[in-house]
Amino acid sequence: MKRRMRLRGFTIFLLIAFGLALGLKLSVSTAEVQGESMMPTFKTGRRVLVTRAYWAVGPIRKHDILVVKDNNITGYMIKRVYALEGDEVPWMYAPEGHRLSDGPYRVPQGQVFLMGDNRGYSEDCRKIGSVSVEKVIGKVVTL
């Protein structure tokens, strides 16, 4: 009787471990940094770990580094969160089309405003506008 209980407990443990491993496998990936836009934080060629497991790493916050779907050669871009939905972005960082209007730019609902750490070499939300959170592949969890 004790042996059966041990086997059941071990089987349950294995199923839970397998479920967690599968969940991590599906929510974790890697991305390779291309270009100079995130220097000095990341150099070109650096591989970073990316996760959508927000239950483990927390929600998207200012200063997080995100991997976002993009139409460039790699299909994604890696940038730092400068502002979240509802936040104001100063005129000098506002998207190009908004700079002609008065006042700061406010990030629309369901979007984030991203910029590269190497501002002089980064094509980011200052050029393309804010990005929908639906395009977020995940948060970078390794530095």
C-alpha atoms as a PDB file:
ATOM      1  CA  MET A   1       0.000   0.000   0.000  1.00  0.00           C
ATOM      2  CA  LYS A   2       2.809   2.457   0.885  1.00  0.00           C
ATOM      3  CA  ARG A   3       4.618   1.568  -2.327  1.00  0.00           C
ATOM      4  CA  ARG A   4       1.527   2.453  -4.424  1.00  0.00           C
ATOM      5  CA  MET A   5       1.214   5.805  -2.644  1.00  0.00           C
ATOM      6  CA  ARG A   6       4.888   6.512  -3.319  1.00  0.00           C
ATOM      7  CA  LEU A   7       4.426   5.650  -7.000  1.00  0.00           C
ATOM      8  CA  ARG A   8       1.349   7.894  -7.262  1.00  0.00           C
ATOM      9  CA  GLY A   9       3.186  10.741  -5.552  1.00  0.00           C
ATOM     10  CA  PHE A  10       6.186  10.286  -7.822  1.00  0.00           C
ATOM     11  CA  THR A  11       3.929  10.131 -10.898  1.00  0.00           C
ATOM     12  CA  ILE A  12       2.195  13.355  -9.866  1.00  0.00           C
ATOM     13  CA  PHE A  13       5.591  14.972  -9.283  1.00  0.00           C
ATOM     14  CA  LEU A  14       6.766  13.897 -12.756  1.00  0.00           C
ATOM     15  CA  LEU A  15       3.592  15.242 -14.397  1.00  0.00           C
ATOM     16  CA  ILE A  16       3.973  18.591 -12.637  1.00  0.00           C
ATOM     17  CA  ALA A  17       7.673  18.795 -13.554  1.00  0.00           C
ATOM     18  CA  PHE A  18       6.875  17.910 -17.173  1.00  0.00           C
ATOM     19  CA  GLY A  19       4.120  20.549 -17.275  1.00  0.00           C
ATOM     20  CA  LEU A  20       6.446  23.237 -15.912  1.00  0.00           C
ATOM     21  CA  ALA A  21       9.216  22.283 -18.338  1.00  0.00           C
ATOM     22  CA  LEU A  22       6.794  22.388 -21.262  1.00  0.00           C
ATOM     23  CA  GLY A  23       5.412  25.738 -20.117  1.00  0.00           C
ATOM     24  CA  LEU A  24       8.905  27.222 -19.893  1.00  0.00           C
ATOM     25  CA  LYS A  25       9.881  25.780 -23.271  1.00  0.00           C
ATOM     26  CA  LEU A  26       6.859  27.438 -24.890  1.00  0.00           C
ATOM     27  CA  SER A  27       7.336  30.797 -23.153  1.00  0.00           C
ATOM     28  CA  VAL A  28      11.137  31.209 -23.428  1.00  0.00           C
ATOM     29  CA  SER A  29      13.182  31.879 -26.571  1.00  0.00           C
ATOM     30  CA  THR A  30      16.364  33.664 -27.604  1.00  0.00           C
ATOM     31  CA  ALA A  31      17.035  36.616 -29.879  1.00  0.00           C
ATOM     32  CA  GLU A  32      20.252  37.946 -31.376  1.00  0.00           C
ATOM     33  CA  VAL A  33      21.090  41.634 -31.100  1.00  0.00           C
ATOM     34  CA  GLN A  34      21.748  43.241 -34.490  1.00  0.00           C
ATOM     35  CA  GLY A  35      23.219  46.714 -34.865  1.00  0.00           C
ATOM     36  CA  GLU A  36      24.400  49.413 -32.502  1.00  0.00           C
ATOM     37  CA  SER A  37      21.079  50.725 -31.186  1.00  0.00           C
ATOM     38  CA  MET A  38      21.339  49.025 -27.774  1.00  0.00           C
ATOM     39  CA  MET A  39      25.031  49.741 -27.105  1.00  0.00           C
ATOM     40  CA  PRO A  40      26.589  49.828 -24.556  1.00  0.00           C
ATOM     41  CA  THR A  41      24.010  47.481 -22.958  1.00  0.00           C
ATOM     42  CA  PHE A  42      24.244  44.928 -25.784  1.00  0.00           C
ATOM     43  CA  LYS A  43      26.767  44.598 -28.574  1.00  0.00           C
ATOM     44  CA  THR A  44      25.880  43.187 -31.983  1.00  0.00           C
ATOM     45  CA  GLY A  45      25.823  39.401 -32.035  1.00  0.00           C
ATOM     46  CA  ARG A  46      24.867  39.052 -28.363  1.00  0.00           C
ATOM     47  CA  ARG A  47      22.138  36.451 -27.736  1.00  0.00           C
ATOM     48  CA  VAL A  48      19.552  37.312 -25.120  1.00  0.00           C
ATOM     49  CA  LEU A  49      16.931  35.222 -23.343  1.00  0.00           C
ATOM     50  CA  VAL A  50      13.343  36.375 -23.934  1.00  0.00           C
ATOM     51  CA  THR A  51      10.212  35.327 -22.055  1.00  0.00           C
ATOM     52  CA  ARG A  52       6.479  35.896 -22.210  1.00  0.00           C
ATOM     53  CA  ALA A  53       6.090  34.297 -18.783  1.00  0.00           C
ATOM     54  CA  TYR A  54       5.010  37.565 -17.152  1.00  0.00           C
ATOM     55  CA  TRP A  55       3.797  35.578 -14.132  1.00  0.00           C
ATOM     56  CA  ALA A  56       7.497  34.867 -13.455  1.00  0.00           C
ATOM     57  CA  VAL A  57       9.157  38.159 -14.445  1.00  0.00           C
ATOM     58  CA  GLY A  58       6.374  40.677 -13.801  1.00  0.00           C
ATOM     59  CA  PRO A  59       4.414  42.934 -16.152  1.00  0.00           C
ATOM     60  CA  ILE A  60       5.993  45.296 -18.675  1.00  0.00           C
ATOM     61  CA  ARG A  61       7.456  48.307 -16.861  1.00  0.00           C
ATOM     62  CA  LYS A  62       9.479  51.380 -17.765  1.00  0.00           C
ATOM     63  CA  HIS A  63      13.139  50.548 -18.412  1.00  0.00           C
ATOM     64  CA  ASP A  64      12.406  46.904 -19.318  1.00  0.00           C
ATOM     65  CA  ILE A  65      14.011  45.702 -22.539  1.00  0.00           C
ATOM     66  CA  LEU A  66      11.524  44.177 -24.976  1.00  0.00           C
ATOM     67  CA  VAL A  67      11.734  42.178 -28.171  1.00  0.00           C
ATOM     68  CA  VAL A  68       9.020  43.388 -30.554  1.00  0.00           C
ATOM     69  CA  LYS A  69       7.860  42.151 -33.970  1.00  0.00           C
ATOM     70  CA  ASP A  70       9.104  44.459 -36.703  1.00  0.00           C
ATOM     71  CA  ASN A  71       9.390  44.575 -40.482  1.00  0.00           C
ATOM     72  CA  ASN A  72      13.192  44.783 -40.569  1.00  0.00           C
ATOM     73  CA  ILE A  73      15.576  42.052 -41.775  1.00  0.00           C
ATOM     74  CA  THR A  74      15.461  39.995 -38.555  1.00  0.00           C
ATOM     75  CA  GLY A  75      11.702  40.380 -38.085  1.00  0.00           C
ATOM     76  CA  TYR A  76      12.119  41.882 -34.612  1.00  0.00           C
ATOM     77  CA  MET A  77      13.720  44.778 -32.775  1.00  0.00           C
ATOM     78  CA  ILE A  78      15.146  45.003 -29.276  1.00  0.00           C
ATOM     79  CA  LYS A  79      14.490  48.282 -27.462  1.00  0.00           C
ATOM     80  CA  ARG A  80      14.014  49.704 -23.955  1.00  0.00           C
ATOM     81  CA  VAL A  81      10.603  50.843 -22.648  1.00  0.00           C
ATOM     82  CA  TYR A  82      10.670  54.623 -22.316  1.00  0.00           C
ATOM     83  CA  ALA A  83       6.954  55.174 -21.637  1.00  0.00           C
ATOM     84  CA  LEU A  84       3.782  53.131 -21.086  1.00  0.00           C
ATOM     85  CA  GLU A  85       0.204  53.790 -22.198  1.00  0.00           C
ATOM     86  CA  GLY A  86      -1.064  57.119 -20.920  1.00  0.00           C
ATOM     87  CA  ASP A  87       2.443  58.439 -20.192  1.00  0.00           C
ATOM     88  CA  GLU A  88       3.616  61.700 -21.713  1.00  0.00           C
ATOM     89  CA  VAL A  89       6.695  61.734 -23.931  1.00  0.00           C
ATOM     90  CA  PRO A  90       8.565  65.064 -24.141  1.00  0.00           C
ATOM     91  CA  TRP A  91       8.333  66.967 -27.401  1.00  0.00           C
ATOM     92  CA  MET A  92      11.959  66.221 -28.336  1.00  0.00           C
ATOM     93  CA  TYR A  93      11.309  62.435 -28.262  1.00  0.00           C
ATOM     94  CA  ALA A  94       7.806  62.502 -29.756  1.00  0.00           C
ATOM     95  CA  PRO A  95       7.251  60.669 -33.071  1.00  0.00           C
ATOM     96  CA  GLU A  96       8.281  62.734 -36.100  1.00  0.00           C
ATOM     97  CA  GLY A  97       4.708  63.525 -37.178  1.00  0.00           C
ATOM     98  CA  HIS A  98       3.744  64.767 -33.720  1.00  0.00           C
ATOM     99  CA  ARG A  99       6.662  67.166 -33.278  1.00  0.00           C
ATOM    100  CA  LEU A 100       4.868  69.855 -35.254  1.00  0.00           C
ATOM    101  CA  SER A 101       2.016  70.033 -32.732  1.00  0.00           C
ATOM    102  CA  ASP A 102       2.111  71.745 -29.381  1.00  0.00           C
ATOM    103  CA  GLY A 103       2.645  69.889 -26.156  1.00  0.00           C
ATOM    104  CA  PRO A 104       3.933  66.465 -25.230  1.00  0.00           C
ATOM    105  CA  TYR A 105       2.966  63.246 -26.970  1.00  0.00           C
ATOM    106  CA  ARG A 106       0.771  60.863 -24.940  1.00  0.00           C
ATOM    107  CA  VAL A 107       1.250  57.111 -25.515  1.00  0.00           C
ATOM    108  CA  PRO A 108      -2.082  55.627 -26.714  1.00  0.00           C
ATOM    109  CA  GLN A 109      -3.872  52.880 -24.800  1.00  0.00           C
ATOM    110  CA  GLY A 110      -2.511  49.375 -25.432  1.00  0.00           C
ATOM    111  CA  GLN A 111       0.844  50.692 -26.674  1.00  0.00           C
ATOM    112  CA  VAL A 112       4.389  51.277 -25.431  1.00  0.00           C
ATOM    113  CA  PHE A 113       7.019  53.813 -26.448  1.00  0.00           C
ATOM    114  CA  LEU A 114      10.435  52.230 -27.041  1.00  0.00           C
ATOM    115  CA  MET A 115      13.871  53.713 -27.622  1.00  0.00           C
ATOM    116  CA  GLY A 116      17.331  52.263 -28.085  1.00  0.00           C
ATOM    117  CA  ASP A 117      19.996  52.929 -25.457  1.00  0.00           C
ATOM    118  CA  ASN A 118      22.308  54.347 -28.149  1.00  0.00           C
ATOM    119  CA  ARG A 119      19.920  57.148 -29.114  1.00  0.00           C
ATOM    120  CA  GLY A 120      22.047  58.510 -31.952  1.00  0.00           C
ATOM    121  CA  TYR A 121      22.008  55.157 -33.797  1.00  0.00           C
ATOM    122  CA  SER A 122      18.539  53.858 -32.974  1.00  0.00           C
ATOM    123  CA  GLU A 123      15.514  53.768 -35.239  1.00  0.00           C
ATOM    124  CA  ASP A 124      12.767  53.499 -32.686  1.00  0.00           C
ATOM    125  CA  CYS A 125       9.422  54.982 -31.653  1.00  0.00           C
ATOM    126  CA  ARG A 126      10.739  58.485 -32.298  1.00  0.00           C
ATOM    127  CA  LYS A 127      10.552  57.543 -35.976  1.00  0.00           C
ATOM    128  CA  ILE A 128       7.831  54.863 -36.190  1.00  0.00           C
ATOM    129  CA  GLY A 129       5.530  55.921 -33.348  1.00  0.00           C
ATOM    130  CA  SER A 130       4.464  53.872 -30.364  1.00  0.00           C
ATOM    131  CA  VAL A 131       4.104  50.088 -30.675  1.00  0.00           C
ATOM    132  CA  SER A 132       1.109  47.904 -29.819  1.00  0.00           C
ATOM    133  CA  VAL A 133       1.659  45.558 -26.882  1.00  0.00           C
ATOM    134  CA  GLU A 134       0.294  42.817 -29.167  1.00  0.00           C
ATOM    135  CA  LYS A 135       3.584  43.029 -31.103  1.00  0.00           C
ATOM    136  CA  VAL A 136       5.649  42.295 -27.980  1.00  0.00           C
ATOM    137  CA  ILE A 137       7.404  38.935 -28.302  1.00  0.00           C
ATOM    138  CA  GLY A 138       8.650  39.120 -24.715  1.00  0.00           C
ATOM    139  CA  LYS A 139      10.882  40.700 -22.097  1.00  0.00           C
ATOM    140  CA  VAL A 140      14.636  40.265 -22.138  1.00  0.00           C
ATOM    141  CA  VAL A 141      15.626  38.511 -18.913  1.00  0.00           C
ATOM    142  CA  THR A 142      19.420  38.247 -19.348  1.00  0.00           C
ATOM    143  CA  LEU A 143      21.954  41.026 -19.422  1.00  0.00           C
END
